[in-house]
Amino acid sequence: MNNDQNLRLAIQKSGRLSEKCRDLLARAGINFDFRSDRLISRAREQALDLMLVRDDDIPGFVKNEVSQIGIVGLNVLEEKLGRVSEGEGDVEIIRRLNFGYCRLALAIPKTSSFDGLMSFQGKRIATSYPNTLRRYLDDNGVKATIVEITGSVEVAPSIGIADAICDLVSTGATLDSNGLRQTTVLLESEAVLIRPRRRLSDAQEQLLEKLVARIDGLQKARNSKYVMLNAPKDAIYRISQLIPGMEKPTVMPLMCDESRVAIHAVCKEDVFWETIEKLKEAGASSILVLPIEKIIE
């Protein structure tokens, strides 16, 4: 295959998104021969190359088409390229990938008072996200001094560098252990698949379409379940109303039992224990709830 027609995907070389990105690609049937001494790895079956790079570099690589697509945290994308999620710039988000969740938030010492966003007026705020923070403050008419720090942002108030911080928060445990509390969320972030707005070559566009279709199939299956059960014929409607997200079930006769049927359905939502108990009360028996690996429509 012509390497110029290969689709190049950039992902984080190491860190919180790297393993999840590799897992996503493996579940999509795309396997690579990884070598630690190589920047680029070739897919075994597709005309797809994988670049393992720093996450901060991915937005710029996609913008300049060093790679045609990339997976990166929305927090990094917005910091490097601006309001991409609002349709600005030369890069667009193809899909949100439902992993790598975190939030960019303002936090203050637990001993400090907070009376709305104007509490930050005239304060010093330490952050590794100066561009995103500046836009947010400007949008809300707050004038504050931004202290740019790389790493260990949460210690800035305790050592007198800043009055508050703006940093990524996942569980909040790090804030709590450093005597801080969250006040305001600037951005809800997750991993996103991005591409340039400019059209790629026909071969690259076709391969990208196939890749996105595979990812969509995995995403649709993520919370879906396949439910199988037996039920009396007169309970079909009642049971169909209990199964979450069901469209049209498959109803089949049972051998040697004309009064009962088998019902099979794809549920687009989680099936909780409470739902199963209600199904039993409605007359269902032999209930099986199975995970779904892929959904292709």
Protein backbone atom coordinates (compact mmCIF):
# COMPACT_ATOMS: atom_id res chain seq x y z
CA MET A 1 0.00 0.00 0.00
CA ASN A 2 1.11 3.56 -0.66
CA ASN A 3 2.24 5.11 2.62
CA ASP A 4 1.02 8.53 1.43
CA GLN A 5 -2.51 7.16 1.50
CA ASN A 6 -2.19 5.67 4.98
CA LEU A 7 -4.25 7.25 7.72
CA ARG A 8 -2.06 8.37 10.60
CA LEU A 9 -3.49 8.37 14.15
CA ALA A 10 -1.74 10.14 17.03
CA ILE A 11 -2.34 8.99 20.61
CA GLN A 12 -0.68 9.63 23.94
CA LYS A 13 2.54 7.65 24.31
CA SER A 14 2.07 7.16 28.05
CA GLY A 15 -0.30 8.45 30.68
CA ARG A 16 -3.92 8.16 31.66
CA LEU A 17 -5.35 7.91 28.14
CA SER A 18 -2.70 5.71 26.50
CA GLU A 19 -3.88 2.31 27.72
CA LYS A 20 -7.56 3.11 27.08
CA CYS A 21 -6.77 4.26 23.53
CA ARG A 22 -4.90 1.03 22.77
CA ASP A 23 -7.75 -1.00 24.25
CA LEU A 24 -10.29 0.87 22.09
CA LEU A 25 -8.28 0.17 18.94
CA ALA A 26 -7.85 -3.50 19.84
CA ARG A 27 -11.61 -3.89 20.42
CA ALA A 28 -12.15 -2.21 17.05
CA GLY A 29 -10.06 -4.99 15.47
CA ILE A 30 -7.01 -2.81 14.80
CA ASN A 31 -3.76 -4.32 16.00
CA PHE A 32 -0.28 -2.85 15.86
CA ASP A 33 3.25 -4.18 16.18
CA PHE A 34 4.44 -1.88 18.96
CA ARG A 35 8.15 -1.19 19.44
CA SER A 36 9.43 1.21 22.06
CA ASP A 37 12.15 2.56 19.76
CA ARG A 38 9.71 3.57 17.03
CA LEU A 39 7.65 6.75 16.79
CA ILE A 40 5.29 5.17 14.25
CA SER A 41 3.81 1.67 14.26
CA ARG A 42 1.95 0.10 11.33
CA ALA A 43 -1.39 -1.65 11.69
CA ARG A 44 -1.30 -5.30 10.68
CA GLU A 45 -4.38 -5.36 8.47
CA GLN A 46 -5.29 -1.74 7.64
CA ALA A 47 -3.52 1.19 5.99
CA LEU A 48 -3.30 2.87 9.38
CA ASP A 49 -0.20 4.18 11.14
CA LEU A 50 -0.06 4.93 14.84
CA MET A 51 2.04 7.74 16.32
CA LEU A 52 2.85 7.57 20.04
CA VAL A 53 3.53 11.14 21.18
CA ARG A 54 3.08 13.60 24.05
CA ASP A 55 -0.57 14.55 24.52
CA ASP A 56 0.29 18.26 24.29
CA ASP A 57 1.56 17.69 20.73
CA ILE A 58 -1.51 15.90 19.38
CA PRO A 59 -3.72 18.97 18.66
CA GLY A 60 -0.91 20.67 16.72
CA PHE A 61 -0.04 17.49 14.82
CA VAL A 62 -3.64 17.11 13.64
CA LYS A 63 -4.00 20.80 12.83
CA ASN A 64 -0.85 20.69 10.68
CA GLU A 65 -1.74 17.22 9.30
CA VAL A 66 1.38 15.56 10.61
CA SER A 67 -1.28 13.04 11.63
CA GLN A 68 -4.71 13.06 10.05
CA ILE A 69 -6.56 12.04 13.21
CA GLY A 70 -5.82 11.96 16.92
CA ILE A 71 -7.24 10.96 20.28
CA VAL A 72 -6.70 13.54 23.02
CA GLY A 73 -8.36 14.89 26.14
CA LEU A 74 -10.78 17.73 25.44
CA ASN A 75 -8.96 19.73 28.14
CA VAL A 76 -5.70 19.57 26.15
CA LEU A 77 -7.45 20.30 22.85
CA GLU A 78 -9.17 23.43 24.19
CA GLU A 79 -6.00 24.66 25.87
CA LYS A 80 -3.89 24.31 22.73
CA LEU A 81 -6.33 25.30 19.98
CA GLY A 82 -9.11 27.31 21.61
CA ARG A 83 -12.85 26.67 21.46
CA VAL A 84 -12.78 23.64 19.17
CA SER A 85 -15.88 22.17 20.85
CA GLU A 86 -17.77 25.31 19.75
CA GLY A 87 -16.77 24.90 16.11
CA GLU A 88 -13.78 27.24 16.04
CA GLY A 89 -10.44 26.62 14.32
CA ASP A 90 -9.03 24.18 11.76
CA VAL A 91 -9.68 21.01 13.78
CA GLU A 92 -13.02 19.34 14.52
CA ILE A 93 -14.19 16.73 16.99
CA ILE A 94 -15.44 13.59 15.24
CA ARG A 95 -16.55 11.65 18.30
CA ARG A 96 -16.55 11.89 22.07
CA LEU A 97 -15.22 8.55 23.28
CA ASN A 98 -16.76 8.15 26.76
CA PHE A 99 -13.54 7.59 28.68
CA GLY A 100 -10.86 9.74 30.29
CA TYR A 101 -13.45 11.74 32.20
CA CYS A 102 -12.23 14.63 34.34
CA ARG A 103 -13.06 18.29 34.87
CA LEU A 104 -11.06 21.49 34.84
CA ALA A 105 -12.07 23.36 37.97
CA LEU A 106 -11.20 26.28 40.19
CA ALA A 107 -10.38 25.43 43.80
CA ILE A 108 -9.57 27.43 46.92
CA PRO A 109 -8.27 26.62 50.42
CA LYS A 110 -10.95 25.14 52.64
CA THR A 111 -10.47 28.05 55.03
CA SER A 112 -11.22 30.65 52.33
CA SER A 113 -14.69 32.06 51.81
CA PHE A 114 -16.40 31.85 48.41
CA ASP A 115 -19.25 34.06 47.23
CA GLY A 116 -19.42 33.39 43.50
CA LEU A 117 -16.94 33.81 40.69
CA MET A 118 -16.18 37.43 41.57
CA SER A 119 -14.44 36.07 44.68
CA PHE A 120 -11.45 35.54 42.34
CA GLN A 121 -11.28 39.23 41.40
CA GLY A 122 -7.72 40.48 41.97
CA LYS A 123 -6.53 37.05 43.17
CA ARG A 124 -3.59 34.95 41.99
CA ILE A 125 -4.62 31.68 40.36
CA ALA A 126 -2.05 28.95 39.68
CA THR A 127 -2.69 26.68 36.70
CA SER A 128 -1.25 24.54 33.92
CA TYR A 129 -4.12 25.71 31.69
CA PRO A 130 -3.52 29.47 31.33
CA ASN A 131 -5.27 29.86 27.96
CA THR A 132 -8.47 28.13 29.01
CA LEU A 133 -8.51 29.95 32.34
CA ARG A 134 -7.91 33.34 30.71
CA ARG A 135 -10.79 32.83 28.27
CA TYR A 136 -13.11 31.80 31.09
CA LEU A 137 -12.19 34.76 33.29
CA ASP A 138 -12.53 37.19 30.39
CA ASP A 139 -15.93 35.74 29.45
CA ASN A 140 -17.12 36.35 33.01
CA GLY A 141 -15.54 39.77 33.53
CA VAL A 142 -13.09 38.63 36.23
CA LYS A 143 -9.64 40.23 36.43
CA ALA A 144 -7.11 37.97 38.14
CA THR A 145 -3.40 37.21 37.90
CA ILE A 146 -2.66 33.86 36.29
CA VAL A 147 0.40 32.08 37.65
CA GLU A 148 1.48 29.43 35.15
CA ILE A 149 2.85 26.26 36.77
CA THR A 150 3.68 22.87 35.25
CA GLY A 151 2.99 20.09 37.74
CA SER A 152 2.01 20.08 41.43
CA VAL A 153 -0.42 22.95 40.96
CA GLU A 154 -2.35 21.95 44.08
CA VAL A 155 0.50 22.96 46.43
CA ALA A 156 0.60 26.57 45.16
CA PRO A 157 -1.69 28.08 47.85
CA SER A 158 0.07 26.33 50.72
CA ILE A 159 3.48 27.70 49.71
CA GLY A 160 2.19 31.20 49.03
CA ILE A 161 2.51 31.21 45.23
CA ALA A 162 -1.21 31.70 44.63
CA ASP A 163 -4.54 32.25 46.35
CA ALA A 164 -6.35 29.60 44.31
CA ILE A 165 -5.75 27.02 41.62
CA CYS A 166 -7.30 25.88 38.34
CA ASP A 167 -6.51 22.23 37.70
CA LEU A 168 -7.89 18.90 36.53
CA VAL A 169 -10.07 17.11 39.05
CA SER A 170 -11.17 13.49 38.91
CA THR A 171 -12.29 12.24 42.32
CA GLY A 172 -11.35 15.33 44.31
CA ALA A 173 -9.10 13.33 46.63
CA THR A 174 -5.98 15.30 45.66
CA LEU A 175 -7.71 18.58 46.38
CA ASP A 176 -8.90 17.31 49.74
CA SER A 177 -5.47 16.04 50.76
CA ASN A 178 -4.01 19.48 50.02
CA GLY A 179 -6.64 21.37 52.00
CA LEU A 180 -8.54 22.61 48.95
CA ARG A 181 -12.17 22.55 47.84
CA GLN A 182 -13.65 22.84 44.38
CA THR A 183 -15.76 25.89 43.62
CA THR A 184 -16.32 26.27 39.87
CA VAL A 185 -16.09 23.89 36.89
CA LEU A 186 -14.72 25.47 33.71
CA LEU A 187 -14.77 22.40 31.47
CA GLU A 188 -16.08 18.82 31.57
CA SER A 189 -13.47 16.80 29.71
CA GLU A 190 -13.19 13.36 28.12
CA ALA A 191 -11.19 11.72 25.35
CA VAL A 192 -12.18 12.89 21.86
CA LEU A 193 -11.33 11.76 18.32
CA ILE A 194 -10.28 14.73 16.18
CA ARG A 195 -9.44 15.48 12.54
CA PRO A 196 -8.64 18.50 10.35
CA ARG A 197 -11.65 20.32 8.88
CA ARG A 198 -10.09 20.04 5.42
CA ARG A 199 -11.10 16.97 3.43
CA LEU A 200 -8.50 14.22 3.33
CA SER A 201 -7.66 12.06 0.31
CA ASP A 202 -10.43 9.70 -0.84
CA ALA A 203 -8.56 6.67 0.50
CA GLN A 204 -8.00 8.31 3.89
CA GLU A 205 -11.63 9.44 4.12
CA GLN A 206 -12.83 5.90 3.37
CA LEU A 207 -10.58 4.39 6.02
CA LEU A 208 -11.62 7.03 8.55
CA GLU A 209 -15.29 6.27 7.83
CA LYS A 210 -14.67 2.57 8.54
CA LEU A 211 -12.78 3.36 11.75
CA VAL A 212 -15.55 5.65 13.02
CA ALA A 213 -18.18 3.01 12.17
CA ARG A 214 -16.29 0.47 14.28
CA ILE A 215 -15.99 2.91 17.18
CA ASP A 216 -19.70 3.70 16.90
CA GLY A 217 -20.46 -0.01 17.08
CA LEU A 218 -18.45 -0.31 20.28
CA GLN A 219 -20.02 2.81 21.77
CA LYS A 220 -23.56 1.64 21.09
CA ALA A 221 -22.79 -1.69 22.73
CA ARG A 222 -21.20 -0.10 25.77
CA ASN A 223 -24.32 0.14 27.92
CA SER A 224 -26.52 -2.18 25.88
CA LYS A 225 -27.57 -5.63 27.02
CA TYR A 226 -29.17 -8.62 25.32
CA VAL A 227 -32.08 -9.91 27.35
CA MET A 228 -33.63 -13.36 26.89
CA LEU A 229 -36.56 -14.65 28.90
CA ASN A 230 -39.63 -16.86 28.78
CA ALA A 231 -43.10 -15.50 29.54
CA PRO A 232 -46.83 -16.24 29.23
CA LYS A 233 -48.36 -14.98 25.98
CA ASP A 234 -50.70 -12.68 27.86
CA ALA A 235 -47.73 -10.95 29.53
CA ILE A 236 -45.90 -9.95 26.33
CA TYR A 237 -47.07 -6.32 26.29
CA ARG A 238 -46.59 -5.86 30.06
CA ILE A 239 -43.05 -7.25 29.91
CA SER A 240 -42.14 -5.19 26.85
CA GLN A 241 -43.01 -2.05 28.83
CA LEU A 242 -40.57 -3.03 31.59
CA ILE A 243 -37.44 -3.61 29.51
CA PRO A 244 -35.50 -0.31 29.28
CA GLY A 245 -34.73 1.20 25.91
CA MET A 246 -36.26 -1.70 24.01
CA GLU A 247 -37.55 -1.04 20.50
CA LYS A 248 -39.19 -4.17 19.07
CA PRO A 249 -38.54 -7.54 20.74
CA THR A 250 -38.27 -10.87 19.01
CA VAL A 251 -41.06 -13.19 20.18
CA MET A 252 -40.75 -16.92 19.45
CA PRO A 253 -42.91 -19.93 20.38
CA LEU A 254 -41.64 -22.44 22.92
CA MET A 255 -41.52 -26.10 21.99
CA CYS A 256 -44.29 -28.15 23.59
CA ASP A 257 -45.81 -25.13 25.36
CA GLU A 258 -48.37 -23.13 23.40
CA SER A 259 -49.16 -20.85 26.34
CA ARG A 260 -45.67 -19.37 26.63
CA VAL A 261 -43.14 -17.63 24.39
CA ALA A 262 -39.47 -16.70 24.38
CA ILE A 263 -38.73 -12.96 24.25
CA HIS A 264 -35.35 -11.65 23.05
CA ALA A 265 -34.54 -7.94 23.12
CA VAL A 266 -31.63 -5.52 22.87
CA CYS A 267 -31.79 -3.00 25.69
CA LYS A 268 -30.11 0.35 25.07
CA GLU A 269 -29.78 0.99 28.79
CA ASP A 270 -28.45 -0.90 31.79
CA VAL A 271 -30.74 -3.59 33.16
CA PHE A 272 -30.79 -3.21 36.94
CA TRP A 273 -31.79 -5.76 39.56
CA GLU A 274 -35.00 -3.83 40.20
CA THR A 275 -35.96 -4.32 36.54
CA ILE A 276 -35.31 -8.05 36.74
CA GLU A 277 -37.46 -8.32 39.86
CA LYS A 278 -40.32 -6.51 38.08
CA LEU A 279 -39.97 -8.85 35.10
CA LYS A 280 -40.33 -11.84 37.39
CA GLU A 281 -43.39 -10.30 39.02
CA ALA A 282 -44.87 -9.87 35.52
CA GLY A 283 -44.45 -13.60 34.85
CA ALA A 284 -41.04 -13.81 33.22
CA SER A 285 -38.77 -16.76 33.94
CA SER A 286 -35.34 -18.06 32.86
CA ILE A 287 -34.11 -14.45 32.51
CA LEU A 288 -30.67 -14.02 30.95
CA VAL A 289 -28.94 -10.63 30.68
CA LEU A 290 -25.87 -10.73 28.46
CA PRO A 291 -23.28 -8.09 27.46
CA ILE A 292 -23.04 -7.04 23.81
CA GLU A 293 -19.63 -6.62 22.22
CA LYS A 294 -20.64 -4.69 19.07
CA ILE A 295 -23.76 -3.17 17.52
CA ILE A 296 -23.65 -2.49 13.78
CA GLU A 297 -26.71 -0.81 12.28
